[in-house]
Amino acid sequence: MAEINVASQLSYGEIAKRTDPKGGLVEIFEAMNEVNPVFKFIPAVQANRRYSHFVTRRTSVPSGTWRKFYQGTAKKASTTQTQTFPVALLEALSEVDEDLIDTSEDPAGTRRQEDMAFVEGMQQQVMDALISGTTSGTPEQIDGLQGYLNSLSNTMVFDGGNSGGTSIYVVDMSPSTTFMIYPSGATNRGPQGLSINTNPTGGNGKKWVTDSNSLDYLAYCTQFKWWVGWVVRDMLAIGRYANINPTVGGSNTFDENKLIEMLNYGRFNPRTTYILCTKEVKAQMQIRAKDKANVNFSVTNALSGEEVVMFGGYAPVMRCDSISTSETVVT
């Protein structure tokens, strides 16, 4: 007997768990959702090439000659460095038996619930890639911040003294520093390169699919495409405070002096800079913030009414669940 991978299909049992005794949809508590609030602040820019973005950086500027009468002037020129950042494609496909949807008390709502789960899952994948993605061995992916900040010899990498653990990433996010990209010709592109097509093949969103026994049935199909690239145009607009012990109260935990150094060594615009860390490190920060003598931290209210921890008077601290607490030691 052929096996069916139920993890890849929405089942009747799942529909039952999502339906209340009166037949309505139960609001799903998204226990799998990660916390990545900074995601909505990352600008998305159209790539200047079809599937890539070409960047030129100036690496040196010419100098003049202090000259005397009858003395010549040396000819000089500036130098530049180029880099190409690729655009990658993350795609997912949802196929749900038409009868599971059509016999639901709220067919549109049931389908929408399942589609939103795909969006959340893909958002987690993209945010993971922005932090720790690599094209080494996986050229179809993108390089994350870790790939640029993987050595203590880098001016913008600071050592917390622990044997690995976690990191704080500071990123200036703007179209002139660090930003996401999408292809110049991408059609039906939604926010930040994501598109959702609930009717990719016509026929009211249905298409014929094949089961494990090569038998056909009709299913509702939703196609998800996320075109994404990650451009670091200014290497001094990103920084990493690595090797932090995530355990509250332990040794080699968060030290604001390292963060102060980083903010001064880099090029960070107060209006577009964000500090990303795990919930453990954010807890360490807030424990320090409760000391009213600590002038480095402040707590303000955002437009939504939620409290935002600020560092240095301008940089918001954002929890980012895509940052690991078991990173390898940075040397």
C-alpha atoms as a PDB file:
ATOM      1  CA  MET A   1       0.000   0.000   0.000  1.00  0.00           C
ATOM      2  CA  ALA A   2       1.387   3.407  -0.962  1.00  0.00           C
ATOM      3  CA  GLU A   3       2.014   5.898   1.827  1.00  0.00           C
ATOM      4  CA  ILE A   4       0.667   9.438   1.768  1.00  0.00           C
ATOM      5  CA  ASN A   5       2.715  12.196   3.371  1.00  0.00           C
ATOM      6  CA  VAL A   6      -0.048  13.820   5.431  1.00  0.00           C
ATOM      7  CA  ALA A   7       2.321  16.565   6.564  1.00  0.00           C
ATOM      8  CA  SER A   8       2.150  17.989   3.040  1.00  0.00           C
ATOM      9  CA  GLN A   9      -1.663  17.926   2.881  1.00  0.00           C
ATOM     10  CA  LEU A  10      -4.445  19.653   4.799  1.00  0.00           C
ATOM     11  CA  SER A  11      -6.425  16.778   6.348  1.00  0.00           C
ATOM     12  CA  TYR A  12     -10.030  16.322   7.515  1.00  0.00           C
ATOM     13  CA  GLY A  13      -8.657  16.030  11.051  1.00  0.00           C
ATOM     14  CA  GLU A  14      -7.045  19.457  10.703  1.00  0.00           C
ATOM     15  CA  ILE A  15     -10.328  20.913   9.410  1.00  0.00           C
ATOM     16  CA  ALA A  16     -12.120  19.441  12.439  1.00  0.00           C
ATOM     17  CA  LYS A  17      -9.634  21.043  14.839  1.00  0.00           C
ATOM     18  CA  ARG A  18     -10.265  24.405  13.191  1.00  0.00           C
ATOM     19  CA  THR A  19     -14.085  24.215  13.467  1.00  0.00           C
ATOM     20  CA  ASP A  20     -16.119  25.036  16.582  1.00  0.00           C
ATOM     21  CA  PRO A  21     -19.206  23.001  17.674  1.00  0.00           C
ATOM     22  CA  LYS A  22     -21.492  25.466  15.862  1.00  0.00           C
ATOM     23  CA  GLY A  23     -19.648  25.017  12.596  1.00  0.00           C
ATOM     24  CA  GLY A  24     -17.717  28.281  12.600  1.00  0.00           C
ATOM     25  CA  LEU A  25     -13.986  28.712  12.255  1.00  0.00           C
ATOM     26  CA  VAL A  26     -11.917  28.701  15.436  1.00  0.00           C
ATOM     27  CA  GLU A  27      -9.362  31.473  15.620  1.00  0.00           C
ATOM     28  CA  ILE A  28      -5.996  29.743  15.423  1.00  0.00           C
ATOM     29  CA  PHE A  29      -3.373  30.639  17.997  1.00  0.00           C
ATOM     30  CA  GLU A  30      -0.233  30.805  15.899  1.00  0.00           C
ATOM     31  CA  ALA A  31       2.082  29.005  18.314  1.00  0.00           C
ATOM     32  CA  MET A  32       4.663  28.565  15.545  1.00  0.00           C
ATOM     33  CA  ASN A  33       4.926  32.289  14.783  1.00  0.00           C
ATOM     34  CA  GLU A  34       8.335  33.803  15.329  1.00  0.00           C
ATOM     35  CA  VAL A  35       8.841  37.343  16.521  1.00  0.00           C
ATOM     36  CA  ASN A  36      10.606  39.411  13.882  1.00  0.00           C
ATOM     37  CA  PRO A  37       9.091  42.909  14.069  1.00  0.00           C
ATOM     38  CA  VAL A  38      11.999  44.485  12.195  1.00  0.00           C
ATOM     39  CA  PHE A  39      10.858  42.716   9.038  1.00  0.00           C
ATOM     40  CA  LYS A  40       8.313  45.437   8.258  1.00  0.00           C
ATOM     41  CA  PHE A  41      11.019  48.130   8.358  1.00  0.00           C
ATOM     42  CA  ILE A  42      13.329  46.573   5.749  1.00  0.00           C
ATOM     43  CA  PRO A  43      13.065  48.510   2.474  1.00  0.00           C
ATOM     44  CA  ALA A  44      12.586  46.535  -0.748  1.00  0.00           C
ATOM     45  CA  VAL A  45      14.145  48.001  -3.901  1.00  0.00           C
ATOM     46  CA  GLN A  46      13.883  46.938  -7.533  1.00  0.00           C
ATOM     47  CA  ALA A  47      17.153  45.342  -8.641  1.00  0.00           C
ATOM     48  CA  ASN A  48      19.149  47.339 -11.194  1.00  0.00           C
ATOM     49  CA  ARG A  49      19.707  44.165 -13.196  1.00  0.00           C
ATOM     50  CA  ARG A  50      17.166  41.485 -13.991  1.00  0.00           C
ATOM     51  CA  TYR A  51      18.159  38.941 -11.333  1.00  0.00           C
ATOM     52  CA  SER A  52      20.876  40.812  -9.464  1.00  0.00           C
ATOM     53  CA  HIS A  53      21.897  44.164  -8.105  1.00  0.00           C
ATOM     54  CA  PHE A  54      25.227  45.707  -9.091  1.00  0.00           C
ATOM     55  CA  VAL A  55      27.020  47.900  -6.552  1.00  0.00           C
ATOM     56  CA  THR A  56      30.156  50.010  -6.965  1.00  0.00           C
ATOM     57  CA  ARG A  57      31.979  51.223  -3.850  1.00  0.00           C
ATOM     58  CA  ARG A  58      34.758  53.805  -3.767  1.00  0.00           C
ATOM     59  CA  THR A  59      37.793  52.347  -2.006  1.00  0.00           C
ATOM     60  CA  SER A  60      40.172  55.300  -2.201  1.00  0.00           C
ATOM     61  CA  VAL A  61      40.130  58.989  -3.098  1.00  0.00           C
ATOM     62  CA  PRO A  62      42.923  60.916  -4.863  1.00  0.00           C
ATOM     63  CA  SER A  63      45.153  63.311  -2.975  1.00  0.00           C
ATOM     64  CA  GLY A  64      46.633  66.574  -4.181  1.00  0.00           C
ATOM     65  CA  THR A  65      50.248  67.758  -4.254  1.00  0.00           C
ATOM     66  CA  TRP A  66      51.637  70.517  -2.114  1.00  0.00           C
ATOM     67  CA  ARG A  67      53.796  72.188  -4.759  1.00  0.00           C
ATOM     68  CA  LYS A  68      56.400  74.869  -5.082  1.00  0.00           C
ATOM     69  CA  PHE A  69      56.986  77.104  -8.062  1.00  0.00           C
ATOM     70  CA  TYR A  70      58.329  75.179 -11.070  1.00  0.00           C
ATOM     71  CA  GLN A  71      57.438  71.834  -9.477  1.00  0.00           C
ATOM     72  CA  GLY A  72      55.044  69.432 -11.192  1.00  0.00           C
ATOM     73  CA  THR A  73      51.821  67.886  -9.842  1.00  0.00           C
ATOM     74  CA  ALA A  74      51.411  64.116  -9.567  1.00  0.00           C
ATOM     75  CA  LYS A  75      48.561  62.510 -11.511  1.00  0.00           C
ATOM     76  CA  LYS A  76      46.187  60.593  -9.231  1.00  0.00           C
ATOM     77  CA  ALA A  77      42.880  58.724  -9.558  1.00  0.00           C
ATOM     78  CA  SER A  78      40.335  57.162  -7.241  1.00  0.00           C
ATOM     79  CA  THR A  79      39.763  53.399  -7.038  1.00  0.00           C
ATOM     80  CA  THR A  80      36.526  51.451  -6.780  1.00  0.00           C
ATOM     81  CA  GLN A  81      35.298  47.977  -5.927  1.00  0.00           C
ATOM     82  CA  THR A  82      32.286  46.235  -7.477  1.00  0.00           C
ATOM     83  CA  GLN A  83      30.002  43.529  -6.136  1.00  0.00           C
ATOM     84  CA  THR A  84      26.936  41.773  -7.510  1.00  0.00           C
ATOM     85  CA  PHE A  85      24.161  40.620  -5.179  1.00  0.00           C
ATOM     86  CA  PRO A  86      21.836  37.894  -6.534  1.00  0.00           C
ATOM     87  CA  VAL A  87      18.067  37.668  -6.304  1.00  0.00           C
ATOM     88  CA  ALA A  88      16.776  34.296  -5.079  1.00  0.00           C
ATOM     89  CA  LEU A  89      13.343  32.697  -5.380  1.00  0.00           C
ATOM     90  CA  LEU A  90      11.549  31.007  -2.487  1.00  0.00           C
ATOM     91  CA  GLU A  91       8.408  29.235  -3.674  1.00  0.00           C
ATOM     92  CA  ALA A  92       5.689  27.180  -2.005  1.00  0.00           C
ATOM     93  CA  LEU A  93       2.542  25.451  -3.217  1.00  0.00           C
ATOM     94  CA  SER A  94      -0.628  24.657  -1.277  1.00  0.00           C
ATOM     95  CA  GLU A  95      -2.957  21.964  -2.650  1.00  0.00           C
ATOM     96  CA  VAL A  96      -6.125  21.154  -0.685  1.00  0.00           C
ATOM     97  CA  ASP A  97      -8.762  18.642  -1.812  1.00  0.00           C
ATOM     98  CA  GLU A  98     -11.734  20.621  -3.137  1.00  0.00           C
ATOM     99  CA  ASP A  99     -14.201  18.674  -0.986  1.00  0.00           C
ATOM    100  CA  LEU A 100     -12.348  19.530   2.230  1.00  0.00           C
ATOM    101  CA  ILE A 101     -12.806  23.200   1.393  1.00  0.00           C
ATOM    102  CA  ASP A 102     -16.285  23.035  -0.161  1.00  0.00           C
ATOM    103  CA  THR A 103     -17.773  21.097   2.774  1.00  0.00           C
ATOM    104  CA  SER A 104     -16.362  23.567   5.299  1.00  0.00           C
ATOM    105  CA  GLU A 105     -18.807  25.997   6.945  1.00  0.00           C
ATOM    106  CA  ASP A 106     -16.571  28.840   5.755  1.00  0.00           C
ATOM    107  CA  PRO A 107     -14.710  27.734   2.613  1.00  0.00           C
ATOM    108  CA  ALA A 108     -13.041  31.086   1.954  1.00  0.00           C
ATOM    109  CA  GLY A 109     -12.000  31.485   5.593  1.00  0.00           C
ATOM    110  CA  THR A 110     -10.644  27.933   5.793  1.00  0.00           C
ATOM    111  CA  ARG A 111      -8.540  28.445   2.708  1.00  0.00           C
ATOM    112  CA  ARG A 112      -7.336  31.841   3.945  1.00  0.00           C
ATOM    113  CA  GLN A 113      -6.248  30.337   7.285  1.00  0.00           C
ATOM    114  CA  GLU A 114      -4.104  27.769   5.507  1.00  0.00           C
ATOM    115  CA  ASP A 115      -2.630  30.374   3.138  1.00  0.00           C
ATOM    116  CA  MET A 116      -1.633  32.646   6.036  1.00  0.00           C
ATOM    117  CA  ALA A 117       0.264  29.746   7.615  1.00  0.00           C
ATOM    118  CA  PHE A 118       2.335  29.520   4.424  1.00  0.00           C
ATOM    119  CA  VAL A 119       3.065  33.257   4.545  1.00  0.00           C
ATOM    120  CA  GLU A 120       4.274  33.008   8.145  1.00  0.00           C
ATOM    121  CA  GLY A 121       6.457  29.995   7.361  1.00  0.00           C
ATOM    122  CA  MET A 122       8.048  31.710   4.374  1.00  0.00           C
ATOM    123  CA  GLN A 123       8.602  34.899   6.363  1.00  0.00           C
ATOM    124  CA  GLN A 124      10.527  32.872   8.924  1.00  0.00           C
ATOM    125  CA  GLN A 125      12.640  31.342   6.142  1.00  0.00           C
ATOM    126  CA  VAL A 126      13.428  34.720   4.600  1.00  0.00           C
ATOM    127  CA  MET A 127      14.352  36.292   7.943  1.00  0.00           C
ATOM    128  CA  ASP A 128      16.556  33.278   8.737  1.00  0.00           C
ATOM    129  CA  ALA A 129      18.289  33.814   5.389  1.00  0.00           C
ATOM    130  CA  LEU A 130      18.831  37.527   6.042  1.00  0.00           C
ATOM    131  CA  ILE A 131      20.672  36.592   9.253  1.00  0.00           C
ATOM    132  CA  SER A 132      22.466  33.326   8.509  1.00  0.00           C
ATOM    133  CA  GLY A 133      21.845  32.370   4.872  1.00  0.00           C
ATOM    134  CA  THR A 134      24.760  31.307   2.694  1.00  0.00           C
ATOM    135  CA  THR A 135      25.358  30.662  -0.992  1.00  0.00           C
ATOM    136  CA  SER A 136      28.280  28.372  -0.139  1.00  0.00           C
ATOM    137  CA  GLY A 137      27.056  24.929  -1.185  1.00  0.00           C
ATOM    138  CA  THR A 138      23.567  26.357  -1.778  1.00  0.00           C
ATOM    139  CA  PRO A 139      23.940  28.866  -4.633  1.00  0.00           C
ATOM    140  CA  GLU A 140      20.163  29.173  -4.974  1.00  0.00           C
ATOM    141  CA  GLN A 141      20.003  30.980  -1.609  1.00  0.00           C
ATOM    142  CA  ILE A 142      21.311  34.366  -0.421  1.00  0.00           C
ATOM    143  CA  ASP A 143      24.103  35.446   1.911  1.00  0.00           C
ATOM    144  CA  GLY A 144      23.024  36.751   5.305  1.00  0.00           C
ATOM    145  CA  LEU A 145      24.671  39.145   7.728  1.00  0.00           C
ATOM    146  CA  GLN A 146      26.786  36.401   9.292  1.00  0.00           C
ATOM    147  CA  GLY A 147      28.622  35.872   6.011  1.00  0.00           C
ATOM    148  CA  TYR A 148      29.861  39.472   6.037  1.00  0.00           C
ATOM    149  CA  LEU A 149      30.581  39.561   9.781  1.00  0.00           C
ATOM    150  CA  ASN A 150      32.304  36.242  10.437  1.00  0.00           C
ATOM    151  CA  SER A 151      35.721  37.307  11.760  1.00  0.00           C
ATOM    152  CA  LEU A 152      36.978  39.401  14.680  1.00  0.00           C
ATOM    153  CA  SER A 153      39.455  40.957  12.243  1.00  0.00           C
ATOM    154  CA  ASN A 154      36.516  42.778  10.678  1.00  0.00           C
ATOM    155  CA  THR A 155      36.276  46.372  11.946  1.00  0.00           C
ATOM    156  CA  MET A 156      32.551  45.921  12.625  1.00  0.00           C
ATOM    157  CA  VAL A 157      32.737  42.653  14.599  1.00  0.00           C
ATOM    158  CA  PHE A 158      33.123  42.857  18.382  1.00  0.00           C
ATOM    159  CA  ASP A 159      33.899  40.046  20.811  1.00  0.00           C
ATOM    160  CA  GLY A 160      31.753  39.264  23.842  1.00  0.00           C
ATOM    161  CA  GLY A 161      34.308  36.775  25.171  1.00  0.00           C
ATOM    162  CA  ASN A 162      32.027  33.733  25.301  1.00  0.00           C
ATOM    163  CA  SER A 163      32.627  30.441  23.473  1.00  0.00           C
ATOM    164  CA  GLY A 164      29.949  31.082  20.884  1.00  0.00           C
ATOM    165  CA  GLY A 165      26.397  31.663  22.059  1.00  0.00           C
ATOM    166  CA  THR A 166      24.532  34.474  20.357  1.00  0.00           C
ATOM    167  CA  SER A 167      25.061  37.840  18.667  1.00  0.00           C
ATOM    168  CA  ILE A 168      23.602  41.303  18.414  1.00  0.00           C
ATOM    169  CA  TYR A 169      23.329  42.609  14.857  1.00  0.00           C
ATOM    170  CA  VAL A 170      23.135  46.350  14.194  1.00  0.00           C
ATOM    171  CA  VAL A 171      21.845  47.256  10.737  1.00  0.00           C
ATOM    172  CA  ASP A 172      21.181  50.563   9.025  1.00  0.00           C
ATOM    173  CA  MET A 173      18.266  49.740   6.727  1.00  0.00           C
ATOM    174  CA  SER A 174      17.752  52.185   3.882  1.00  0.00           C
ATOM    175  CA  PRO A 175      17.925  52.157   0.052  1.00  0.00           C
ATOM    176  CA  SER A 176      21.453  53.571   0.260  1.00  0.00           C
ATOM    177  CA  THR A 177      22.893  51.146   2.834  1.00  0.00           C
ATOM    178  CA  THR A 178      21.228  47.752   3.447  1.00  0.00           C
ATOM    179  CA  PHE A 179      18.048  46.637   1.720  1.00  0.00           C
ATOM    180  CA  MET A 180      16.138  43.778   0.105  1.00  0.00           C
ATOM    181  CA  ILE A 181      15.764  43.508  -3.664  1.00  0.00           C
ATOM    182  CA  TYR A 182      13.354  41.927  -6.151  1.00  0.00           C
ATOM    183  CA  PRO A 183      13.767  41.349  -9.907  1.00  0.00           C
ATOM    184  CA  SER A 184      13.151  44.257 -12.256  1.00  0.00           C
ATOM    185  CA  GLY A 185      10.635  42.174 -14.215  1.00  0.00           C
ATOM    186  CA  ALA A 186       8.778  40.410 -11.386  1.00  0.00           C
ATOM    187  CA  THR A 187       5.021  40.467 -12.063  1.00  0.00           C
ATOM    188  CA  ASN A 188       2.266  40.526  -9.435  1.00  0.00           C
ATOM    189  CA  ARG A 189       4.849  41.399  -6.842  1.00  0.00           C
ATOM    190  CA  GLY A 190       3.461  42.096  -3.405  1.00  0.00           C
ATOM    191  CA  PRO A 191       5.141  43.732  -0.385  1.00  0.00           C
ATOM    192  CA  GLN A 192       8.886  43.018  -0.185  1.00  0.00           C
ATOM    193  CA  GLY A 193       8.783  40.742  -3.226  1.00  0.00           C
ATOM    194  CA  LEU A 194       6.079  38.323  -2.001  1.00  0.00           C
ATOM    195  CA  SER A 195       3.212  37.374  -4.320  1.00  0.00           C
ATOM    196  CA  ILE A 196       0.251  35.102  -3.560  1.00  0.00           C
ATOM    197  CA  ASN A 197      -1.736  33.649  -6.450  1.00  0.00           C
ATOM    198  CA  THR A 198      -4.927  31.869  -5.369  1.00  0.00           C
ATOM    199  CA  ASN A 199      -5.833  31.033  -8.957  1.00  0.00           C
ATOM    200  CA  PRO A 200      -2.581  30.097 -10.732  1.00  0.00           C
ATOM    201  CA  THR A 201      -4.201  27.752 -13.272  1.00  0.00           C
ATOM    202  CA  GLY A 202      -7.715  29.172 -13.677  1.00  0.00           C
ATOM    203  CA  GLY A 203     -10.859  27.192 -12.915  1.00  0.00           C
ATOM    204  CA  ASN A 204     -11.816  28.986  -9.697  1.00  0.00           C
ATOM    205  CA  GLY A 205      -8.427  28.240  -8.193  1.00  0.00           C
ATOM    206  CA  LYS A 206      -8.737  24.494  -8.748  1.00  0.00           C
ATOM    207  CA  LYS A 207      -6.465  22.148 -10.627  1.00  0.00           C
ATOM    208  CA  TRP A 208      -6.143  18.436 -11.196  1.00  0.00           C
ATOM    209  CA  VAL A 209      -3.517  16.819  -8.970  1.00  0.00           C
ATOM    210  CA  THR A 210      -2.316  13.240  -8.639  1.00  0.00           C
ATOM    211  CA  ASP A 211      -2.302  11.124  -5.475  1.00  0.00           C
ATOM    212  CA  SER A 212       0.306   8.532  -4.508  1.00  0.00           C
ATOM    213  CA  ASN A 213      -1.502   5.926  -6.642  1.00  0.00           C
ATOM    214  CA  SER A 214      -1.370   8.180  -9.736  1.00  0.00           C
ATOM    215  CA  LEU A 215      -5.117   8.848  -9.503  1.00  0.00           C
ATOM    216  CA  ASP A 216      -6.438  12.339 -10.166  1.00  0.00           C
ATOM    217  CA  TYR A 217      -8.582  14.611  -8.005  1.00  0.00           C
ATOM    218  CA  LEU A 218      -9.404  18.309  -7.966  1.00  0.00           C
ATOM    219  CA  ALA A 219      -7.695  20.549  -5.432  1.00  0.00           C
ATOM    220  CA  TYR A 220      -7.673  24.212  -4.594  1.00  0.00           C
ATOM    221  CA  CYS A 221      -4.202  25.520  -5.354  1.00  0.00           C
ATOM    222  CA  THR A 222      -2.356  28.574  -4.029  1.00  0.00           C
ATOM    223  CA  GLN A 223       1.068  29.507  -5.318  1.00  0.00           C
ATOM    224  CA  PHE A 224       3.449  31.568  -3.201  1.00  0.00           C
ATOM    225  CA  LYS A 225       6.507  33.251  -4.703  1.00  0.00           C
ATOM    226  CA  TRP A 226       8.987  35.333  -2.755  1.00  0.00           C
ATOM    227  CA  TRP A 227      11.693  37.031  -4.776  1.00  0.00           C
ATOM    228  CA  VAL A 228      14.345  38.189  -2.362  1.00  0.00           C
ATOM    229  CA  GLY A 229      17.900  39.454  -2.371  1.00  0.00           C
ATOM    230  CA  TRP A 230      19.923  41.106   0.393  1.00  0.00           C
ATOM    231  CA  VAL A 231      22.195  43.977  -0.550  1.00  0.00           C
ATOM    232  CA  VAL A 232      24.834  45.333   1.818  1.00  0.00           C
ATOM    233  CA  ARG A 233      25.907  48.433  -0.042  1.00  0.00           C
ATOM    234  CA  ASP A 234      27.834  50.000   2.838  1.00  0.00           C
ATOM    235  CA  MET A 235      29.924  47.539   4.863  1.00  0.00           C
ATOM    236  CA  LEU A 236      30.126  50.045   7.715  1.00  0.00           C
ATOM    237  CA  ALA A 237      26.331  50.114   7.964  1.00  0.00           C
ATOM    238  CA  ILE A 238      26.213  46.626   9.511  1.00  0.00           C
ATOM    239  CA  GLY A 239      27.839  45.355  12.715  1.00  0.00           C
ATOM    240  CA  ARG A 240      27.935  42.288  14.924  1.00  0.00           C
ATOM    241  CA  TYR A 241      28.585  41.953  18.633  1.00  0.00           C
ATOM    242  CA  ALA A 242      29.342  38.225  18.763  1.00  0.00           C
ATOM    243  CA  ASN A 243      30.101  35.552  21.360  1.00  0.00           C
ATOM    244  CA  ILE A 244      27.505  36.669  23.924  1.00  0.00           C
ATOM    245  CA  ASN A 245      26.364  34.283  26.629  1.00  0.00           C
ATOM    246  CA  PRO A 246      22.550  34.173  26.295  1.00  0.00           C
ATOM    247  CA  THR A 247      22.048  33.051  29.908  1.00  0.00           C
ATOM    248  CA  VAL A 248      20.782  35.898  32.094  1.00  0.00           C
ATOM    249  CA  GLY A 249      23.101  36.344  35.070  1.00  0.00           C
ATOM    250  CA  GLY A 250      25.963  34.376  33.525  1.00  0.00           C
ATOM    251  CA  SER A 251      29.434  35.524  32.605  1.00  0.00           C
ATOM    252  CA  ASN A 252      30.242  37.182  29.264  1.00  0.00           C
ATOM    253  CA  THR A 253      26.701  38.491  28.874  1.00  0.00           C
ATOM    254  CA  PHE A 254      25.673  41.760  27.246  1.00  0.00           C
ATOM    255  CA  ASP A 255      27.979  44.727  27.820  1.00  0.00           C
ATOM    256  CA  GLU A 256      26.703  48.061  26.500  1.00  0.00           C
ATOM    257  CA  ASN A 257      30.272  49.333  26.095  1.00  0.00           C
ATOM    258  CA  LYS A 258      30.709  47.004  23.087  1.00  0.00           C
ATOM    259  CA  LEU A 259      27.525  48.342  21.524  1.00  0.00           C
ATOM    260  CA  ILE A 260      28.630  51.928  22.080  1.00  0.00           C
ATOM    261  CA  GLU A 261      31.919  51.140  20.324  1.00  0.00           C
ATOM    262  CA  MET A 262      30.122  49.605  17.361  1.00  0.00           C
ATOM    263  CA  LEU A 263      27.721  52.505  16.915  1.00  0.00           C
ATOM    264  CA  ASN A 264      30.659  54.904  16.862  1.00  0.00           C
ATOM    265  CA  TYR A 265      32.877  52.832  14.554  1.00  0.00           C
ATOM    266  CA  GLY A 266      30.217  52.340  11.913  1.00  0.00           C
ATOM    267  CA  ARG A 267      28.067  54.608   9.759  1.00  0.00           C
ATOM    268  CA  PHE A 268      24.630  54.423  11.330  1.00  0.00           C
ATOM    269  CA  ASN A 269      21.814  56.853  10.625  1.00  0.00           C
ATOM    270  CA  PRO A 270      19.682  57.452  13.757  1.00  0.00           C
ATOM    271  CA  ARG A 271      16.500  57.341  11.673  1.00  0.00           C
ATOM    272  CA  THR A 272      17.124  53.992   9.983  1.00  0.00           C
ATOM    273  CA  THR A 273      19.268  51.927  12.379  1.00  0.00           C
ATOM    274  CA  TYR A 274      17.926  48.880  14.230  1.00  0.00           C
ATOM    275  CA  ILE A 275      19.488  46.651  16.890  1.00  0.00           C
ATOM    276  CA  LEU A 276      18.508  42.979  16.478  1.00  0.00           C
ATOM    277  CA  CYS A 277      18.895  40.423  19.251  1.00  0.00           C
ATOM    278  CA  THR A 278      17.339  37.344  20.822  1.00  0.00           C
ATOM    279  CA  LYS A 279      14.765  37.503  23.602  1.00  0.00           C
ATOM    280  CA  GLU A 280      17.468  36.427  26.051  1.00  0.00           C
ATOM    281  CA  VAL A 281      19.761  39.335  25.174  1.00  0.00           C
ATOM    282  CA  LYS A 282      16.853  41.774  25.108  1.00  0.00           C
ATOM    283  CA  ALA A 283      16.013  40.615  28.646  1.00  0.00           C
ATOM    284  CA  GLN A 284      19.629  41.316  29.666  1.00  0.00           C
ATOM    285  CA  MET A 285      19.305  44.804  28.189  1.00  0.00           C
ATOM    286  CA  GLN A 286      16.043  45.547  29.974  1.00  0.00           C
ATOM    287  CA  ILE A 287      17.479  44.378  33.278  1.00  0.00           C
ATOM    288  CA  ARG A 288      20.221  46.965  32.791  1.00  0.00           C
ATOM    289  CA  ALA A 289      17.647  49.525  31.660  1.00  0.00           C
ATOM    290  CA  LYS A 290      15.731  49.310  34.948  1.00  0.00           C
ATOM    291  CA  ASP A 291      18.726  50.904  36.616  1.00  0.00           C
ATOM    292  CA  LYS A 292      17.729  54.565  36.285  1.00  0.00           C
ATOM    293  CA  ALA A 293      21.385  55.555  36.488  1.00  0.00           C
ATOM    294  CA  ASN A 294      21.976  53.786  33.160  1.00  0.00           C
ATOM    295  CA  VAL A 295      21.578  56.593  30.633  1.00  0.00           C
ATOM    296  CA  ASN A 296      22.169  54.356  27.600  1.00  0.00           C
ATOM    297  CA  PHE A 297      18.661  52.914  27.622  1.00  0.00           C
ATOM    298  CA  SER A 298      15.222  54.447  27.450  1.00  0.00           C
ATOM    299  CA  VAL A 299      11.748  53.018  26.957  1.00  0.00           C
ATOM    300  CA  THR A 300       9.292  54.832  24.686  1.00  0.00           C
ATOM    301  CA  ASN A 301       5.855  54.073  23.283  1.00  0.00           C
ATOM    302  CA  ALA A 302       5.456  53.374  19.578  1.00  0.00           C
ATOM    303  CA  LEU A 303       2.451  54.617  17.584  1.00  0.00           C
ATOM    304  CA  SER A 304       0.777  51.278  18.305  1.00  0.00           C
ATOM    305  CA  GLY A 305       1.146  51.854  22.033  1.00  0.00           C
ATOM    306  CA  GLU A 306       3.701  49.082  22.525  1.00  0.00           C
ATOM    307  CA  GLU A 307       6.836  49.783  24.516  1.00  0.00           C
ATOM    308  CA  VAL A 308      10.069  50.063  22.540  1.00  0.00           C
ATOM    309  CA  VAL A 309      13.495  49.816  24.166  1.00  0.00           C
ATOM    310  CA  MET A 310      15.874  52.443  22.736  1.00  0.00           C
ATOM    311  CA  PHE A 311      19.652  52.375  23.008  1.00  0.00           C
ATOM    312  CA  GLY A 312      21.848  55.452  22.864  1.00  0.00           C
ATOM    313  CA  GLY A 313      18.842  57.695  22.487  1.00  0.00           C
ATOM    314  CA  TYR A 314      17.963  56.668  18.937  1.00  0.00           C
ATOM    315  CA  ALA A 315      18.374  52.991  17.993  1.00  0.00           C
ATOM    316  CA  PRO A 316      15.365  50.739  18.704  1.00  0.00           C
ATOM    317  CA  VAL A 317      16.112  47.271  20.080  1.00  0.00           C
ATOM    318  CA  MET A 318      14.122  44.620  18.183  1.00  0.00           C
ATOM    319  CA  ARG A 319      13.692  41.001  19.197  1.00  0.00           C
ATOM    320  CA  CYS A 320      14.580  38.717  16.288  1.00  0.00           C
ATOM    321  CA  ASP A 321      13.851  35.005  16.711  1.00  0.00           C
ATOM    322  CA  SER A 322      15.893  34.182  13.610  1.00  0.00           C
ATOM    323  CA  ILE A 323      19.080  34.811  15.594  1.00  0.00           C
ATOM    324  CA  SER A 324      20.370  31.603  17.157  1.00  0.00           C
ATOM    325  CA  THR A 325      21.491  31.148  20.766  1.00  0.00           C
ATOM    326  CA  SER A 326      23.931  28.435  19.694  1.00  0.00           C
ATOM    327  CA  GLU A 327      26.093  30.183  17.107  1.00  0.00           C
ATOM    328  CA  THR A 328      29.605  28.899  16.595  1.00  0.00           C
ATOM    329  CA  VAL A 329      32.355  30.944  18.189  1.00  0.00           C
ATOM    330  CA  VAL A 330      33.560  33.867  16.069  1.00  0.00           C
ATOM    331  CA  THR A 331      37.357  34.167  16.061  1.00  0.00           C
END
